[in-house]
């Protein structure tokens, strides 16, 4: 059956909106009709080669929809069920999974190398980060779908698949923000906006949002920021000025740039914690000298997928949503059609907006 999708024909090429042929789901597979998909900066990192992916590919890894068919052996979902796509399913058997660190699963992205569909001309297509959400429908492994929690609208649920899990997890699982601590979030995109809300939920006493664009201040404050700093050479000094010359307890970096990571580190107090969420290229080199590492006693930690376990965290996030503590609509800056994805990529390159949501 042919459906429309956004195809990346080659690394560095623009996306093409075209028809693709999807097979019926095989054993252990599920076919999903997409309700919505978020346009995430990680998709841009795939398209420009920062993160390597087999091509041609259908991108999109943050989505939700309705099951239309299941293959043999699938029992946890059935046709008609609403599901969230999980682009990084854990295998449960590798070393990381045995330690409970499912976000570091060695086999999570094995499916991205598979051929899951073909163009109408017969060219093999790969499923981006496993799930190929930039399409009207997709066929995925059953391990890549989780039931939508009760009380969460299907369209909004798309954002749970990456931005919210990552931003919330960075604050609660990686940085472990405690009541009364001060937090700075660098980068006010979808993940950054989620991190701001998560810091508010955690009870942070001061939440400072930092971004290169002054236009994002309203978005940031709506998400929970108490202060807003437009990024410059004096950002670390400004943040210390807002925190009694101490620096914040926690900095969450969501941009993946060397200068931002270094500034986040410099913005924390002695003994502070910096969590790096942003995905940067190999050319983004961050340097520290040995004396400052000793003197400041700070910690710097990477963070993959918010250090989250989606199966455990989705119900927690749903409870925050039902209680009004977490507002998914605050993350969406525009709602677009499938044809609007290439323009949304251009907006991301220009540093505009928080999260474009593709509504099918």
C-alpha atoms as a PDB file:
ATOM      1  CA  UNK A   1       0.000   0.000   0.000  1.00  0.00           C
ATOM      2  CA  UNK A   2       1.402   3.415  -0.993  1.00  0.00           C
ATOM      3  CA  UNK A   3       1.570   6.265   1.537  1.00  0.00           C
ATOM      4  CA  UNK A   4       3.253   9.676   1.477  1.00  0.00           C
ATOM      5  CA  UNK A   5       6.473  10.216   3.368  1.00  0.00           C
ATOM      6  CA  UNK A   6       9.433  12.580   3.775  1.00  0.00           C
ATOM      7  CA  UNK A   7      12.439  10.776   2.293  1.00  0.00           C
ATOM      8  CA  UNK A   8      16.105  11.693   2.806  1.00  0.00           C
ATOM      9  CA  UNK A   9      17.678  10.536  -0.483  1.00  0.00           C
ATOM     10  CA  UNK A  10      21.291  11.152   0.596  1.00  0.00           C
ATOM     11  CA  UNK A  11      23.226  12.786   3.429  1.00  0.00           C
ATOM     12  CA  UNK A  12      23.152  16.552   2.976  1.00  0.00           C
ATOM     13  CA  UNK A  13      20.268  16.453   0.492  1.00  0.00           C
ATOM     14  CA  UNK A  14      16.907  18.155   1.090  1.00  0.00           C
ATOM     15  CA  UNK A  15      13.980  15.975   2.096  1.00  0.00           C
ATOM     16  CA  UNK A  16      11.616  14.888  -0.645  1.00  0.00           C
ATOM     17  CA  UNK A  17       7.897  14.409  -0.055  1.00  0.00           C
ATOM     18  CA  UNK A  18       6.988  11.375  -2.114  1.00  0.00           C
ATOM     19  CA  UNK A  19       5.027   8.120  -2.205  1.00  0.00           C
ATOM     20  CA  UNK A  20       6.455   4.932  -0.702  1.00  0.00           C
ATOM     21  CA  UNK A  21       5.252   1.329  -0.687  1.00  0.00           C
ATOM     22  CA  UNK A  22       4.806  -0.185   2.777  1.00  0.00           C
ATOM     23  CA  UNK A  23       4.537  -3.957   3.231  1.00  0.00           C
ATOM     24  CA  UNK A  24       2.060  -5.640   5.548  1.00  0.00           C
ATOM     25  CA  UNK A  25       3.467  -6.196   9.043  1.00  0.00           C
ATOM     26  CA  UNK A  26       5.411  -9.415   9.398  1.00  0.00           C
ATOM     27  CA  UNK A  27       5.896 -11.499  12.560  1.00  0.00           C
ATOM     28  CA  UNK A  28       6.611  -9.255  15.531  1.00  0.00           C
ATOM     29  CA  UNK A  29       5.725  -6.076  13.618  1.00  0.00           C
ATOM     30  CA  UNK A  30       3.050  -3.397  13.895  1.00  0.00           C
ATOM     31  CA  UNK A  31       1.596  -1.046  11.300  1.00  0.00           C
ATOM     32  CA  UNK A  32       0.708   2.406  12.625  1.00  0.00           C
ATOM     33  CA  UNK A  33      -1.278   5.245  11.087  1.00  0.00           C
ATOM     34  CA  UNK A  34       0.431   8.416  12.339  1.00  0.00           C
ATOM     35  CA  UNK A  35      -1.629  11.066  14.116  1.00  0.00           C
ATOM     36  CA  UNK A  36       1.316  13.414  14.636  1.00  0.00           C
ATOM     37  CA  UNK A  37       5.101  13.583  14.551  1.00  0.00           C
ATOM     38  CA  UNK A  38       7.442  16.119  16.094  1.00  0.00           C
ATOM     39  CA  UNK A  39      10.236  17.703  14.056  1.00  0.00           C
ATOM     40  CA  UNK A  40      13.274  17.206  16.281  1.00  0.00           C
ATOM     41  CA  UNK A  41      16.795  18.591  15.938  1.00  0.00           C
ATOM     42  CA  UNK A  42      18.060  14.996  15.954  1.00  0.00           C
ATOM     43  CA  UNK A  43      16.377  14.552  12.562  1.00  0.00           C
ATOM     44  CA  UNK A  44      18.470  17.460  11.309  1.00  0.00           C
ATOM     45  CA  UNK A  45      21.571  15.774  12.767  1.00  0.00           C
ATOM     46  CA  UNK A  46      20.694  12.662  10.762  1.00  0.00           C
ATOM     47  CA  UNK A  47      20.181  14.564   7.543  1.00  0.00           C
ATOM     48  CA  UNK A  48      23.492  16.447   7.738  1.00  0.00           C
ATOM     49  CA  UNK A  49      25.560  13.415   8.762  1.00  0.00           C
ATOM     50  CA  UNK A  50      26.280  14.416  12.380  1.00  0.00           C
ATOM     51  CA  UNK A  51      24.636  11.125  13.312  1.00  0.00           C
ATOM     52  CA  UNK A  52      25.219   8.357  10.777  1.00  0.00           C
ATOM     53  CA  UNK A  53      22.201   6.622   9.282  1.00  0.00           C
ATOM     54  CA  UNK A  54      21.777   4.346   6.237  1.00  0.00           C
ATOM     55  CA  UNK A  55      20.176   6.177   3.311  1.00  0.00           C
ATOM     56  CA  UNK A  56      17.844   6.597   1.535  1.00  0.00           C
ATOM     57  CA  UNK A  57      15.732   6.808   4.684  1.00  0.00           C
ATOM     58  CA  UNK A  58      12.438   8.076   6.016  1.00  0.00           C
ATOM     59  CA  UNK A  59      13.265  10.255   9.029  1.00  0.00           C
ATOM     60  CA  UNK A  60      11.106  11.158  12.019  1.00  0.00           C
ATOM     61  CA  UNK A  61      11.455   9.453  15.388  1.00  0.00           C
ATOM     62  CA  UNK A  62       9.008  11.318  17.628  1.00  0.00           C
ATOM     63  CA  UNK A  63       5.447  10.227  16.879  1.00  0.00           C
ATOM     64  CA  UNK A  64       2.163   8.682  17.935  1.00  0.00           C
ATOM     65  CA  UNK A  65      -0.706   7.092  16.077  1.00  0.00           C
ATOM     66  CA  UNK A  66      -3.224   4.273  15.831  1.00  0.00           C
ATOM     67  CA  UNK A  67      -2.434   0.616  15.230  1.00  0.00           C
ATOM     68  CA  UNK A  68      -4.025  -0.537  11.970  1.00  0.00           C
ATOM     69  CA  UNK A  69      -2.579  -4.065  11.781  1.00  0.00           C
ATOM     70  CA  UNK A  70      -0.295  -6.400  13.730  1.00  0.00           C
ATOM     71  CA  UNK A  71       1.834  -9.324  12.674  1.00  0.00           C
ATOM     72  CA  UNK A  72       2.015 -12.789  14.165  1.00  0.00           C
ATOM     73  CA  UNK A  73       3.083 -12.929  17.792  1.00  0.00           C
ATOM     74  CA  UNK A  74       2.154  -9.355  18.743  1.00  0.00           C
ATOM     75  CA  UNK A  75      -0.013  -9.332  21.857  1.00  0.00           C
ATOM     76  CA  UNK A  76       0.510  -6.092  23.790  1.00  0.00           C
ATOM     77  CA  UNK A  77      -1.290  -3.895  21.214  1.00  0.00           C
ATOM     78  CA  UNK A  78      -4.156  -4.499  18.794  1.00  0.00           C
ATOM     79  CA  UNK A  79      -5.760  -2.681  15.855  1.00  0.00           C
ATOM     80  CA  UNK A  80      -7.441   0.491  17.083  1.00  0.00           C
ATOM     81  CA  UNK A  81      -5.025   1.072  19.977  1.00  0.00           C
ATOM     82  CA  UNK A  82      -3.276   4.422  20.340  1.00  0.00           C
ATOM     83  CA  UNK A  83       0.491   4.083  20.636  1.00  0.00           C
ATOM     84  CA  UNK A  84       3.606   6.196  21.200  1.00  0.00           C
ATOM     85  CA  UNK A  85       6.590   5.327  19.017  1.00  0.00           C
ATOM     86  CA  UNK A  86       9.736   4.382  20.938  1.00  0.00           C
ATOM     87  CA  UNK A  87      12.732   4.936  18.648  1.00  0.00           C
ATOM     88  CA  UNK A  88      15.241   3.314  21.040  1.00  0.00           C
ATOM     89  CA  UNK A  89      13.744   0.044  22.320  1.00  0.00           C
ATOM     90  CA  UNK A  90      15.951  -1.880  24.728  1.00  0.00           C
ATOM     91  CA  UNK A  91      16.888  -5.477  23.960  1.00  0.00           C
ATOM     92  CA  UNK A  92      16.952  -6.521  27.618  1.00  0.00           C
ATOM     93  CA  UNK A  93      19.982  -8.749  27.045  1.00  0.00           C
ATOM     94  CA  UNK A  94      23.085  -6.578  26.473  1.00  0.00           C
ATOM     95  CA  UNK A  95      25.442  -5.411  29.222  1.00  0.00           C
ATOM     96  CA  UNK A  96      23.816  -1.984  29.591  1.00  0.00           C
ATOM     97  CA  UNK A  97      20.347  -3.507  29.854  1.00  0.00           C
ATOM     98  CA  UNK A  98      21.605  -5.972  32.480  1.00  0.00           C
ATOM     99  CA  UNK A  99      22.677  -2.945  34.540  1.00  0.00           C
ATOM    100  CA  UNK A 100      19.261  -1.320  34.159  1.00  0.00           C
ATOM    101  CA  UNK A 101      20.697   1.374  31.873  1.00  0.00           C
ATOM    102  CA  UNK A 102      18.248   0.684  29.051  1.00  0.00           C
ATOM    103  CA  UNK A 103      18.880   4.085  27.442  1.00  0.00           C
ATOM    104  CA  UNK A 104      22.385   2.825  26.567  1.00  0.00           C
ATOM    105  CA  UNK A 105      21.193  -0.444  24.998  1.00  0.00           C
ATOM    106  CA  UNK A 106      23.816  -1.670  22.538  1.00  0.00           C
ATOM    107  CA  UNK A 107      21.158  -3.004  20.167  1.00  0.00           C
ATOM    108  CA  UNK A 108      18.590  -0.228  20.342  1.00  0.00           C
ATOM    109  CA  UNK A 109      19.245   1.104  16.841  1.00  0.00           C
ATOM    110  CA  UNK A 110      19.832  -2.166  15.008  1.00  0.00           C
ATOM    111  CA  UNK A 111      16.542  -1.791  13.161  1.00  0.00           C
ATOM    112  CA  UNK A 112      17.688   1.436  11.489  1.00  0.00           C
ATOM    113  CA  UNK A 113      19.829  -0.615   9.114  1.00  0.00           C
ATOM    114  CA  UNK A 114      16.869  -2.712   7.934  1.00  0.00           C
ATOM    115  CA  UNK A 115      15.014  -2.192   4.683  1.00  0.00           C
ATOM    116  CA  UNK A 116      11.460  -1.504   5.804  1.00  0.00           C
ATOM    117  CA  UNK A 117       9.823  -0.082   2.662  1.00  0.00           C
ATOM    118  CA  UNK A 118      10.528   0.966  -0.923  1.00  0.00           C
ATOM    119  CA  UNK A 119       9.905   4.014  -3.031  1.00  0.00           C
ATOM    120  CA  UNK A 120       7.237   3.632  -5.688  1.00  0.00           C
ATOM    121  CA  UNK A 121      10.163   3.284  -8.136  1.00  0.00           C
ATOM    122  CA  UNK A 122      11.489   0.282  -6.150  1.00  0.00           C
ATOM    123  CA  UNK A 123      14.414   1.857  -4.234  1.00  0.00           C
ATOM    124  CA  UNK A 124      15.051   0.315  -0.796  1.00  0.00           C
ATOM    125  CA  UNK A 125      14.331   2.597   2.181  1.00  0.00           C
ATOM    126  CA  UNK A 126      15.611   2.488   5.762  1.00  0.00           C
ATOM    127  CA  UNK A 127      13.563   3.610   8.783  1.00  0.00           C
ATOM    128  CA  UNK A 128      15.703   6.500  10.092  1.00  0.00           C
ATOM    129  CA  UNK A 129      15.851   5.957  13.847  1.00  0.00           C
ATOM    130  CA  UNK A 130      13.851   2.730  13.678  1.00  0.00           C
ATOM    131  CA  UNK A 131      10.346   4.207  13.341  1.00  0.00           C
ATOM    132  CA  UNK A 132      10.135   6.445  10.210  1.00  0.00           C
ATOM    133  CA  UNK A 133       7.517   8.784  11.677  1.00  0.00           C
ATOM    134  CA  UNK A 134       7.599  11.312   8.817  1.00  0.00           C
ATOM    135  CA  UNK A 135       5.005   9.303   6.916  1.00  0.00           C
ATOM    136  CA  UNK A 136       1.261   8.846   6.889  1.00  0.00           C
ATOM    137  CA  UNK A 137       1.816   5.247   8.056  1.00  0.00           C
ATOM    138  CA  UNK A 138       4.785   3.174   9.178  1.00  0.00           C
ATOM    139  CA  UNK A 139       5.673  -0.436   9.957  1.00  0.00           C
ATOM    140  CA  UNK A 140       7.815  -0.970  13.048  1.00  0.00           C
ATOM    141  CA  UNK A 141       8.987  -3.672  15.410  1.00  0.00           C
ATOM    142  CA  UNK A 142       6.471  -4.356  18.169  1.00  0.00           C
ATOM    143  CA  UNK A 143       9.156  -3.286  20.659  1.00  0.00           C
ATOM    144  CA  UNK A 144       8.937   0.226  19.174  1.00  0.00           C
ATOM    145  CA  UNK A 145       5.352   0.883  20.282  1.00  0.00           C
ATOM    146  CA  UNK A 146       4.008   1.656  23.742  1.00  0.00           C
ATOM    147  CA  UNK A 147       0.330   2.202  24.617  1.00  0.00           C
ATOM    148  CA  UNK A 148      -0.671   5.864  24.906  1.00  0.00           C
ATOM    149  CA  UNK A 149      -1.365   6.588  28.592  1.00  0.00           C
ATOM    150  CA  UNK A 150      -4.935   7.354  29.575  1.00  0.00           C
ATOM    151  CA  UNK A 151      -5.887  11.001  29.438  1.00  0.00           C
ATOM    152  CA  UNK A 152      -3.243  12.063  26.915  1.00  0.00           C
ATOM    153  CA  UNK A 153      -4.584  13.197  23.508  1.00  0.00           C
ATOM    154  CA  UNK A 154      -3.099  11.137  20.687  1.00  0.00           C
ATOM    155  CA  UNK A 155      -1.694  14.141  18.827  1.00  0.00           C
ATOM    156  CA  UNK A 156      -0.006  15.537  21.949  1.00  0.00           C
ATOM    157  CA  UNK A 157       1.342  12.080  22.809  1.00  0.00           C
ATOM    158  CA  UNK A 158       3.758  12.327  19.866  1.00  0.00           C
ATOM    159  CA  UNK A 159       5.919  14.701  21.907  1.00  0.00           C
ATOM    160  CA  UNK A 160       6.346  12.094  24.633  1.00  0.00           C
ATOM    161  CA  UNK A 161       8.451   9.985  22.290  1.00  0.00           C
ATOM    162  CA  UNK A 162      11.539  12.190  22.429  1.00  0.00           C
ATOM    163  CA  UNK A 163      11.393  15.838  23.561  1.00  0.00           C
ATOM    164  CA  UNK A 164       9.531  15.292  26.820  1.00  0.00           C
ATOM    165  CA  UNK A 165      11.262  12.067  27.828  1.00  0.00           C
ATOM    166  CA  UNK A 166      14.635  13.651  27.085  1.00  0.00           C
ATOM    167  CA  UNK A 167      14.054  17.000  28.788  1.00  0.00           C
ATOM    168  CA  UNK A 168      12.250  15.540  31.794  1.00  0.00           C
ATOM    169  CA  UNK A 169      14.788  12.753  32.162  1.00  0.00           C
ATOM    170  CA  UNK A 170      17.754  15.134  31.929  1.00  0.00           C
ATOM    171  CA  UNK A 171      16.411  17.019  34.946  1.00  0.00           C
ATOM    172  CA  UNK A 172      15.033  14.131  37.025  1.00  0.00           C
ATOM    173  CA  UNK A 173      17.268  11.180  36.113  1.00  0.00           C
ATOM    174  CA  UNK A 174      20.608  12.659  35.060  1.00  0.00           C
ATOM    175  CA  UNK A 175      20.963  15.958  36.949  1.00  0.00           C
ATOM    176  CA  UNK A 176      18.625  14.823  39.762  1.00  0.00           C
ATOM    177  CA  UNK A 177      17.461  18.348  40.526  1.00  0.00           C
ATOM    178  CA  UNK A 178      16.322  18.737  44.121  1.00  0.00           C
ATOM    179  CA  UNK A 179      13.746  21.025  45.732  1.00  0.00           C
ATOM    180  CA  UNK A 180      15.097  24.565  46.068  1.00  0.00           C
ATOM    181  CA  UNK A 181      18.066  24.172  43.722  1.00  0.00           C
ATOM    182  CA  UNK A 182      18.830  26.663  40.952  1.00  0.00           C
ATOM    183  CA  UNK A 183      18.845  25.555  37.316  1.00  0.00           C
ATOM    184  CA  UNK A 184      19.950  27.006  33.984  1.00  0.00           C
ATOM    185  CA  UNK A 185      18.711  25.498  30.714  1.00  0.00           C
ATOM    186  CA  UNK A 186      20.713  26.286  27.573  1.00  0.00           C
ATOM    187  CA  UNK A 187      18.675  26.097  24.357  1.00  0.00           C
ATOM    188  CA  UNK A 188      14.942  26.773  24.247  1.00  0.00           C
ATOM    189  CA  UNK A 189      13.827  24.216  21.681  1.00  0.00           C
ATOM    190  CA  UNK A 190      11.462  21.336  22.358  1.00  0.00           C
ATOM    191  CA  UNK A 191      13.859  19.540  24.718  1.00  0.00           C
ATOM    192  CA  UNK A 192      14.830  22.755  26.482  1.00  0.00           C
ATOM    193  CA  UNK A 193      11.190  23.727  27.014  1.00  0.00           C
ATOM    194  CA  UNK A 194      10.554  20.254  28.451  1.00  0.00           C
ATOM    195  CA  UNK A 195      13.551  20.651  30.767  1.00  0.00           C
ATOM    196  CA  UNK A 196      12.230  24.006  31.992  1.00  0.00           C
ATOM    197  CA  UNK A 197       8.901  22.424  32.890  1.00  0.00           C
ATOM    198  CA  UNK A 198      10.681  19.512  34.545  1.00  0.00           C
ATOM    199  CA  UNK A 199      12.775  21.896  36.654  1.00  0.00           C
ATOM    200  CA  UNK A 200       9.577  23.621  37.795  1.00  0.00           C
ATOM    201  CA  UNK A 201       8.021  20.243  38.668  1.00  0.00           C
ATOM    202  CA  UNK A 202      11.168  19.373  40.642  1.00  0.00           C
ATOM    203  CA  UNK A 203      10.713  22.519  42.744  1.00  0.00           C
ATOM    204  CA  UNK A 204      13.714  24.521  41.517  1.00  0.00           C
ATOM    205  CA  UNK A 205      13.816  27.931  43.190  1.00  0.00           C
ATOM    206  CA  UNK A 206      15.263  29.779  40.189  1.00  0.00           C
ATOM    207  CA  UNK A 207      15.073  28.597  36.589  1.00  0.00           C
ATOM    208  CA  UNK A 208      17.164  30.522  34.062  1.00  0.00           C
ATOM    209  CA  UNK A 209      16.567  29.977  30.360  1.00  0.00           C
ATOM    210  CA  UNK A 210      19.380  30.809  27.912  1.00  0.00           C
ATOM    211  CA  UNK A 211      19.054  31.078  24.139  1.00  0.00           C
ATOM    212  CA  UNK A 212      20.552  33.023  21.245  1.00  0.00           C
ATOM    213  CA  UNK A 213      17.105  34.362  20.330  1.00  0.00           C
ATOM    214  CA  UNK A 214      15.411  37.063  22.388  1.00  0.00           C
ATOM    215  CA  UNK A 215      12.140  36.052  20.722  1.00  0.00           C
ATOM    216  CA  UNK A 216      11.955  32.833  22.731  1.00  0.00           C
ATOM    217  CA  UNK A 217      11.603  34.563  26.103  1.00  0.00           C
ATOM    218  CA  UNK A 218       7.810  34.309  26.162  1.00  0.00           C
ATOM    219  CA  UNK A 219       7.971  30.581  25.357  1.00  0.00           C
ATOM    220  CA  UNK A 220      10.552  30.030  28.070  1.00  0.00           C
ATOM    221  CA  UNK A 221       8.648  31.891  30.757  1.00  0.00           C
ATOM    222  CA  UNK A 222       5.433  30.051  29.863  1.00  0.00           C
ATOM    223  CA  UNK A 223       7.317  26.792  30.423  1.00  0.00           C
ATOM    224  CA  UNK A 224       8.555  27.840  33.863  1.00  0.00           C
ATOM    225  CA  UNK A 225      11.614  30.075  33.449  1.00  0.00           C
ATOM    226  CA  UNK A 226      11.929  32.727  36.156  1.00  0.00           C
ATOM    227  CA  UNK A 227      14.702  34.539  34.268  1.00  0.00           C
ATOM    228  CA  UNK A 228      15.823  34.802  30.651  1.00  0.00           C
ATOM    229  CA  UNK A 229      19.325  35.465  29.305  1.00  0.00           C
ATOM    230  CA  UNK A 230      20.152  36.095  25.660  1.00  0.00           C
ATOM    231  CA  UNK A 231      23.345  34.146  24.991  1.00  0.00           C
ATOM    232  CA  UNK A 232      26.534  36.218  24.678  1.00  0.00           C
ATOM    233  CA  UNK A 233      30.159  36.262  25.803  1.00  0.00           C
ATOM    234  CA  UNK A 234      28.971  37.350  29.266  1.00  0.00           C
ATOM    235  CA  UNK A 235      26.344  34.662  29.826  1.00  0.00           C
ATOM    236  CA  UNK A 236      28.175  32.873  32.652  1.00  0.00           C
ATOM    237  CA  UNK A 237      28.747  36.201  34.421  1.00  0.00           C
ATOM    238  CA  UNK A 238      25.066  37.126  34.066  1.00  0.00           C
ATOM    239  CA  UNK A 239      23.992  33.798  35.527  1.00  0.00           C
ATOM    240  CA  UNK A 240      26.318  34.215  38.488  1.00  0.00           C
ATOM    241  CA  UNK A 241      24.824  37.668  38.977  1.00  0.00           C
ATOM    242  CA  UNK A 242      21.359  36.134  39.170  1.00  0.00           C
ATOM    243  CA  UNK A 243      22.480  33.597  41.774  1.00  0.00           C
ATOM    244  CA  UNK A 244      24.291  35.676  44.383  1.00  0.00           C
ATOM    245  CA  UNK A 245      27.583  35.383  42.485  1.00  0.00           C
ATOM    246  CA  UNK A 246      27.606  31.624  43.097  1.00  0.00           C
ATOM    247  CA  UNK A 247      26.380  30.096  39.852  1.00  0.00           C
ATOM    248  CA  UNK A 248      23.543  27.618  39.447  1.00  0.00           C
ATOM    249  CA  UNK A 249      23.437  24.219  41.079  1.00  0.00           C
ATOM    250  CA  UNK A 250      22.561  22.560  37.765  1.00  0.00           C
ATOM    251  CA  UNK A 251      23.045  23.472  34.101  1.00  0.00           C
ATOM    252  CA  UNK A 252      21.281  21.513  31.354  1.00  0.00           C
ATOM    253  CA  UNK A 253      22.807  21.990  27.883  1.00  0.00           C
ATOM    254  CA  UNK A 254      20.442  21.270  24.996  1.00  0.00           C
ATOM    255  CA  UNK A 255      22.311  22.759  22.026  1.00  0.00           C
ATOM    256  CA  UNK A 256      25.245  20.391  21.489  1.00  0.00           C
ATOM    257  CA  UNK A 257      27.792  23.141  20.815  1.00  0.00           C
ATOM    258  CA  UNK A 258      31.248  23.358  22.357  1.00  0.00           C
ATOM    259  CA  UNK A 259      30.851  26.999  23.382  1.00  0.00           C
ATOM    260  CA  UNK A 260      27.486  26.286  25.014  1.00  0.00           C
ATOM    261  CA  UNK A 261      28.793  23.261  26.923  1.00  0.00           C
ATOM    262  CA  UNK A 262      31.738  25.280  28.186  1.00  0.00           C
ATOM    263  CA  UNK A 263      29.463  28.175  29.188  1.00  0.00           C
ATOM    264  CA  UNK A 264      27.083  25.811  30.974  1.00  0.00           C
ATOM    265  CA  UNK A 265      30.042  24.438  32.962  1.00  0.00           C
ATOM    266  CA  UNK A 266      31.257  27.950  33.769  1.00  0.00           C
ATOM    267  CA  UNK A 267      27.744  28.933  34.918  1.00  0.00           C
ATOM    268  CA  UNK A 268      27.542  26.354  37.703  1.00  0.00           C
ATOM    269  CA  UNK A 269      28.648  26.898  41.270  1.00  0.00           C
ATOM    270  CA  UNK A 270      31.608  25.149  42.835  1.00  0.00           C
ATOM    271  CA  UNK A 271      30.450  21.537  43.113  1.00  0.00           C
ATOM    272  CA  UNK A 272      27.702  22.136  40.548  1.00  0.00           C
ATOM    273  CA  UNK A 273      26.434  19.695  37.929  1.00  0.00           C
ATOM    274  CA  UNK A 274      26.263  20.060  34.146  1.00  0.00           C
ATOM    275  CA  UNK A 275      24.210  17.642  32.061  1.00  0.00           C
ATOM    276  CA  UNK A 276      24.799  17.659  28.291  1.00  0.00           C
ATOM    277  CA  UNK A 277      21.745  16.651  26.263  1.00  0.00           C
ATOM    278  CA  UNK A 278      22.568  18.319  22.933  1.00  0.00           C
ATOM    279  CA  UNK A 279      24.088  16.235  20.140  1.00  0.00           C
ATOM    280  CA  UNK A 280      27.186  17.914  18.741  1.00  0.00           C
ATOM    281  CA  UNK A 281      29.525  16.976  15.919  1.00  0.00           C
ATOM    282  CA  UNK A 282      33.044  15.579  16.266  1.00  0.00           C
ATOM    283  CA  UNK A 283      34.400  19.010  15.398  1.00  0.00           C
ATOM    284  CA  UNK A 284      32.914  20.487  18.594  1.00  0.00           C
ATOM    285  CA  UNK A 285      35.899  20.175  20.922  1.00  0.00           C
ATOM    286  CA  UNK A 286      35.492  21.231  24.583  1.00  0.00           C
ATOM    287  CA  UNK A 287      38.635  21.886  26.641  1.00  0.00           C
ATOM    288  CA  UNK A 288      39.326  22.098  30.381  1.00  0.00           C
ATOM    289  CA  UNK A 289      42.567  22.408  32.302  1.00  0.00           C
ATOM    290  CA  UNK A 290      43.454  19.961  35.061  1.00  0.00           C
ATOM    291  CA  UNK A 291      43.603  22.588  37.795  1.00  0.00           C
ATOM    292  CA  UNK A 292      40.091  23.906  37.217  1.00  0.00           C
ATOM    293  CA  UNK A 293      38.644  20.394  37.277  1.00  0.00           C
ATOM    294  CA  UNK A 294      40.162  19.933  40.722  1.00  0.00           C
ATOM    295  CA  UNK A 295      39.408  23.413  42.017  1.00  0.00           C
ATOM    296  CA  UNK A 296      35.769  23.728  40.981  1.00  0.00           C
ATOM    297  CA  UNK A 297      34.747  20.190  41.906  1.00  0.00           C
ATOM    298  CA  UNK A 298      32.055  20.259  39.230  1.00  0.00           C
ATOM    299  CA  UNK A 299      30.663  17.264  37.383  1.00  0.00           C
ATOM    300  CA  UNK A 300      29.988  17.027  33.657  1.00  0.00           C
ATOM    301  CA  UNK A 301      27.714  14.233  32.451  1.00  0.00           C
ATOM    302  CA  UNK A 302      26.363  13.067  29.125  1.00  0.00           C
ATOM    303  CA  UNK A 303      22.693  12.215  28.840  1.00  0.00           C
ATOM    304  CA  UNK A 304      21.144   9.837  26.279  1.00  0.00           C
ATOM    305  CA  UNK A 305      17.363   9.961  25.764  1.00  0.00           C
ATOM    306  CA  UNK A 306      17.058  11.601  29.176  1.00  0.00           C
ATOM    307  CA  UNK A 307      18.501   8.462  30.805  1.00  0.00           C
ATOM    308  CA  UNK A 308      14.880   7.336  30.618  1.00  0.00           C
ATOM    309  CA  UNK A 309      13.079   4.028  30.585  1.00  0.00           C
ATOM    310  CA  UNK A 310      10.049   4.866  28.404  1.00  0.00           C
ATOM    311  CA  UNK A 311       7.909   2.002  29.693  1.00  0.00           C
ATOM    312  CA  UNK A 312       8.345   3.253  33.265  1.00  0.00           C
ATOM    313  CA  UNK A 313       8.447   6.984  32.607  1.00  0.00           C
ATOM    314  CA  UNK A 314       5.442   7.406  30.302  1.00  0.00           C
ATOM    315  CA  UNK A 315       2.921   6.690  33.087  1.00  0.00           C
ATOM    316  CA  UNK A 316       4.715   9.201  35.343  1.00  0.00           C
ATOM    317  CA  UNK A 317       4.621  11.865  32.634  1.00  0.00           C
ATOM    318  CA  UNK A 318       0.948  11.121  32.000  1.00  0.00           C
ATOM    319  CA  UNK A 319       0.172  11.754  35.666  1.00  0.00           C
ATOM    320  CA  UNK A 320       1.919  15.140  35.476  1.00  0.00           C
ATOM    321  CA  UNK A 321      -0.107  15.940  32.337  1.00  0.00           C
ATOM    322  CA  UNK A 322      -3.429  14.952  33.925  1.00  0.00           C
ATOM    323  CA  UNK A 323      -2.587  17.011  37.025  1.00  0.00           C
ATOM    324  CA  UNK A 324      -1.786  20.073  34.904  1.00  0.00           C
ATOM    325  CA  UNK A 325       1.873  20.202  35.911  1.00  0.00           C
ATOM    326  CA  UNK A 326       3.130  19.371  32.414  1.00  0.00           C
ATOM    327  CA  UNK A 327       1.711  21.240  29.413  1.00  0.00           C
ATOM    328  CA  UNK A 328       2.563  19.623  26.089  1.00  0.00           C
ATOM    329  CA  UNK A 329       0.901  22.414  24.101  1.00  0.00           C
ATOM    330  CA  UNK A 330       3.563  24.812  25.444  1.00  0.00           C
ATOM    331  CA  UNK A 331       6.178  22.899  23.455  1.00  0.00           C
ATOM    332  CA  UNK A 332       4.499  23.331  20.076  1.00  0.00           C
ATOM    333  CA  UNK A 333       5.295  26.515  18.184  1.00  0.00           C
ATOM    334  CA  UNK A 334       3.537  25.550  14.965  1.00  0.00           C
ATOM    335  CA  UNK A 335       1.363  22.772  13.570  1.00  0.00           C
ATOM    336  CA  UNK A 336       2.214  21.804  10.020  1.00  0.00           C
ATOM    337  CA  UNK A 337       1.346  19.263   7.354  1.00  0.00           C
ATOM    338  CA  UNK A 338       3.711  16.632   5.974  1.00  0.00           C
ATOM    339  CA  UNK A 339       4.575  19.035   3.147  1.00  0.00           C
ATOM    340  CA  UNK A 340       5.789  21.583   5.713  1.00  0.00           C
ATOM    341  CA  UNK A 341       8.644  19.442   7.055  1.00  0.00           C
ATOM    342  CA  UNK A 342      11.384  20.841   4.737  1.00  0.00           C
ATOM    343  CA  UNK A 343      10.524  24.407   5.823  1.00  0.00           C
ATOM    344  CA  UNK A 344      10.560  23.306   9.479  1.00  0.00           C
ATOM    345  CA  UNK A 345      14.112  22.014   8.945  1.00  0.00           C
ATOM    346  CA  UNK A 346      15.091  25.470   7.652  1.00  0.00           C
ATOM    347  CA  UNK A 347      13.613  27.056  10.792  1.00  0.00           C
ATOM    348  CA  UNK A 348      15.688  24.758  12.978  1.00  0.00           C
ATOM    349  CA  UNK A 349      18.827  25.716  11.059  1.00  0.00           C
ATOM    350  CA  UNK A 350      17.957  29.349  11.727  1.00  0.00           C
ATOM    351  CA  UNK A 351      17.411  28.681  15.439  1.00  0.00           C
ATOM    352  CA  UNK A 352      13.720  29.563  15.344  1.00  0.00           C
ATOM    353  CA  UNK A 353      10.839  28.200  17.400  1.00  0.00           C
ATOM    354  CA  UNK A 354      10.455  25.349  19.860  1.00  0.00           C
ATOM    355  CA  UNK A 355       8.821  22.366  18.188  1.00  0.00           C
ATOM    356  CA  UNK A 356       6.962  21.992  14.916  1.00  0.00           C
ATOM    357  CA  UNK A 357       4.318  19.277  15.101  1.00  0.00           C
ATOM    358  CA  UNK A 358       3.321  17.455  11.919  1.00  0.00           C
ATOM    359  CA  UNK A 359      -0.382  16.676  12.112  1.00  0.00           C
ATOM    360  CA  UNK A 360      -1.615  14.013   9.697  1.00  0.00           C
END
